[in-house]
Amino acid sequence: MTTDKKGNDNTNNIKKINKKGIILTGILVIGIIGASFIVWFLPSENIQNSGMSNMTISFLDPNDTLTSVNSQFLLLQNEVQDQINDAKANSVSVNETYITDVINVSIIQNNELMQTLLNGQPNQSLMPNYVELMNNLRDYSLYLLNVKNITSNSLNVSQDLKNLGNNSGLRQLSVL
């Protein structure tokens, strides 16, 4: 009989331990899940979302802002031109959705570069360079909108891109 009593005591202890473990694990899981969803309840009134990613970069030195925006602008121009040249070369298989997406993303990136430049706070000596780069960014924005209009209303994107010509009319500002 003593063995039965000990056996029952051990079984009850295991059941108590199992219940405690399950309850503790459940509380931890609920706590972790609750903590991960707390982000949804944080106030978001202070965050402005105008559809752009708002990834403007701020530099303390206006010359650094000018240099950074200029180099990013040159990269953007080269990348878009490479994509357009690839589309011209592959006249048989032009992915129109891809070209449209590239142009849309480039427009957003160009607008962010303009915003970064606007926040640069240049001194008098850098003002002419800022104005020239801003004009180049504006002209490029118009060029991108023109390409977007051509590709979105086109039956033959490759041919229309060939007719568009290259981006030789835009000047590239060198600040360095």
Protein backbone atom coordinates (compact mmCIF):
# COMPACT_ATOMS: atom_id res chain seq x y z
CA MET A 1 0.00 0.00 0.00
CA THR A 2 2.81 2.34 0.65
CA THR A 3 3.98 1.96 -2.90
CA ASP A 4 0.52 2.87 -4.20
CA LYS A 5 0.49 5.97 -2.04
CA LYS A 6 3.94 6.98 -3.20
CA GLY A 7 3.00 6.23 -6.79
CA ASN A 8 -0.10 8.41 -6.51
CA ASP A 9 1.91 11.20 -4.84
CA ASN A 10 4.47 11.12 -7.64
CA THR A 11 1.73 11.17 -10.27
CA ASN A 12 0.03 14.13 -8.57
CA ASN A 13 3.36 16.00 -8.32
CA ILE A 14 4.05 15.40 -12.01
CA LYS A 15 0.55 16.61 -12.90
CA LYS A 16 1.04 19.73 -10.73
CA ILE A 17 4.43 20.38 -12.34
CA ASN A 18 2.99 19.84 -15.81
CA LYS A 19 0.08 22.19 -15.08
CA LYS A 20 2.42 24.83 -13.65
CA GLY A 21 4.72 24.50 -16.67
CA ILE A 22 1.88 24.77 -19.12
CA ILE A 23 0.40 27.79 -17.35
CA LEU A 24 3.83 29.49 -17.11
CA THR A 25 4.57 28.78 -20.79
CA GLY A 26 1.14 30.11 -21.77
CA ILE A 27 1.69 33.33 -19.81
CA LEU A 28 5.11 33.81 -21.44
CA VAL A 29 3.72 33.22 -24.93
CA ILE A 30 0.84 35.64 -24.34
CA GLY A 31 3.29 38.22 -22.96
CA ILE A 32 5.60 37.95 -25.96
CA ILE A 33 2.76 38.15 -28.46
CA GLY A 34 1.22 41.06 -26.57
CA ALA A 35 4.54 42.91 -26.53
CA SER A 36 5.00 42.43 -30.26
CA PHE A 37 1.56 43.92 -30.96
CA ILE A 38 2.07 46.93 -28.71
CA VAL A 39 3.63 48.70 -31.70
CA TRP A 40 0.17 48.88 -33.25
CA PHE A 41 -1.16 50.79 -30.25
CA LEU A 42 1.57 53.43 -30.12
CA PRO A 43 0.36 56.86 -31.25
CA SER A 44 1.28 57.67 -34.82
CA GLU A 45 0.07 61.26 -35.10
CA ASN A 46 3.64 62.57 -35.13
CA ILE A 47 4.63 60.43 -38.11
CA GLN A 48 3.87 62.07 -41.43
CA ASN A 49 3.31 59.64 -44.25
CA SER A 50 2.77 61.32 -47.57
CA GLY A 51 3.33 58.19 -49.61
CA MET A 52 7.07 58.67 -49.76
CA SER A 53 9.49 56.87 -47.54
CA ASN A 54 10.78 60.14 -46.03
CA MET A 55 14.36 58.96 -46.17
CA THR A 56 15.96 62.39 -46.46
CA ILE A 57 19.48 62.62 -45.15
CA SER A 58 20.58 65.56 -43.05
CA PHE A 59 24.19 66.66 -42.83
CA LEU A 60 25.66 69.27 -40.55
CA ASP A 61 27.89 70.58 -43.33
CA PRO A 62 26.02 72.02 -46.36
CA ASN A 63 28.91 71.00 -48.61
CA ASP A 64 28.44 67.36 -47.52
CA THR A 65 24.75 67.64 -48.39
CA LEU A 66 25.59 69.01 -51.82
CA THR A 67 28.21 66.33 -52.48
CA SER A 68 25.97 63.52 -51.29
CA VAL A 69 22.92 64.62 -53.27
CA ASN A 70 25.04 65.15 -56.37
CA SER A 71 26.60 61.68 -56.19
CA GLN A 72 23.22 60.04 -55.53
CA PHE A 73 21.74 62.00 -58.42
CA LEU A 74 24.47 60.79 -60.78
CA LEU A 75 23.90 57.20 -59.65
CA LEU A 76 20.16 57.56 -60.17
CA GLN A 77 20.64 58.99 -63.67
CA ASN A 78 23.06 56.25 -64.65
CA GLU A 79 20.85 53.47 -63.31
CA VAL A 80 17.72 54.75 -65.03
CA GLN A 81 19.61 55.26 -68.27
CA ASP A 82 21.01 51.71 -68.07
CA GLN A 83 17.49 50.33 -67.56
CA ILE A 84 16.16 52.33 -70.51
CA ASN A 85 19.08 51.23 -72.69
CA ASP A 86 18.43 47.59 -71.74
CA ALA A 87 14.78 48.01 -72.67
CA LYS A 88 15.79 49.54 -76.02
CA ALA A 89 18.19 46.67 -76.72
CA ASN A 90 15.65 43.97 -75.82
CA SER A 91 12.99 45.09 -78.22
CA VAL A 92 11.43 41.62 -78.34
CA SER A 93 10.89 41.11 -74.62
CA VAL A 94 10.34 44.41 -72.84
CA ASN A 95 8.71 44.01 -69.47
CA GLU A 96 6.47 47.08 -69.43
CA THR A 97 5.55 46.66 -65.77
CA TYR A 98 9.20 46.53 -64.80
CA ILE A 99 10.02 49.71 -66.75
CA THR A 100 7.03 51.47 -65.17
CA ASP A 101 8.14 50.37 -61.69
CA VAL A 102 11.70 51.57 -62.33
CA ILE A 103 10.41 54.97 -63.43
CA ASN A 104 8.02 55.28 -60.47
CA VAL A 105 10.75 54.41 -57.96
CA SER A 106 13.15 56.81 -59.69
CA ILE A 107 10.61 59.63 -59.43
CA ILE A 108 10.28 58.99 -55.69
CA GLN A 109 14.06 58.87 -55.25
CA ASN A 110 14.51 62.07 -57.23
CA ASN A 111 11.88 63.82 -55.09
CA GLU A 112 13.68 62.66 -51.93
CA LEU A 113 16.94 64.07 -53.28
CA MET A 114 15.19 67.40 -53.90
CA GLN A 115 13.85 67.34 -50.34
CA THR A 116 17.31 66.61 -48.95
CA LEU A 117 18.73 69.49 -50.94
CA LEU A 118 15.99 71.81 -49.66
CA ASN A 119 16.94 70.92 -46.08
CA GLY A 120 20.65 71.54 -46.75
CA GLN A 121 20.78 75.17 -45.52
CA PRO A 122 23.65 76.33 -47.77
CA ASN A 123 25.74 79.39 -47.14
CA GLN A 124 26.11 82.13 -49.75
CA SER A 125 29.16 80.59 -51.42
CA LEU A 126 27.35 77.28 -52.04
CA MET A 127 24.03 78.81 -53.08
CA PRO A 128 24.77 78.83 -56.86
CA ASN A 129 25.72 75.14 -56.75
CA TYR A 130 22.56 74.32 -54.79
CA VAL A 131 20.38 76.20 -57.27
CA GLU A 132 22.05 74.53 -60.25
CA LEU A 133 21.68 71.06 -58.76
CA MET A 134 18.06 71.77 -57.82
CA ASN A 135 17.36 72.85 -61.40
CA ASN A 136 18.99 69.64 -62.66
CA LEU A 137 16.85 67.59 -60.28
CA ARG A 138 13.73 69.42 -61.43
CA ASP A 139 14.61 68.90 -65.09
CA TYR A 140 15.26 65.23 -64.43
CA SER A 141 11.93 64.94 -62.66
CA LEU A 142 10.24 66.32 -65.79
CA TYR A 143 12.21 63.89 -67.93
CA LEU A 144 11.10 60.96 -65.74
CA LEU A 145 7.48 62.09 -65.94
CA ASN A 146 7.81 62.27 -69.72
CA VAL A 147 9.22 58.73 -69.83
CA LYS A 148 6.44 57.55 -67.54
CA ASN A 149 3.79 59.08 -69.81
CA ILE A 150 5.37 57.54 -72.88
CA THR A 151 5.63 54.06 -71.36
CA SER A 152 2.19 54.07 -69.76
CA ASN A 153 0.37 55.09 -72.95
CA SER A 154 2.44 53.05 -75.35
CA LEU A 155 1.63 50.01 -77.44
CA ASN A 156 5.30 49.45 -78.31
CA VAL A 157 7.41 50.53 -75.32
CA SER A 158 10.72 49.53 -76.86
CA GLN A 159 10.15 51.59 -80.00
CA ASP A 160 8.92 54.59 -78.03
CA LEU A 161 11.99 54.42 -75.77
CA LYS A 162 14.20 54.34 -78.86
CA ASN A 163 12.41 57.43 -80.16
CA LEU A 164 12.87 59.11 -76.79
CA GLY A 165 16.62 59.21 -77.30
CA ASN A 166 19.13 59.25 -74.54
CA ASN A 167 19.36 61.52 -71.56
CA SER A 168 22.08 63.68 -73.10
CA GLY A 169 20.18 66.93 -72.62
CA LEU A 170 20.68 66.84 -68.86
CA ARG A 171 23.84 68.30 -67.47
CA GLN A 172 25.66 66.57 -64.65
CA LEU A 173 26.90 68.89 -61.97
CA SER A 174 30.31 68.19 -60.56
CA VAL A 175 30.85 69.67 -57.14
CA LEU A 176 34.08 68.01 -56.20
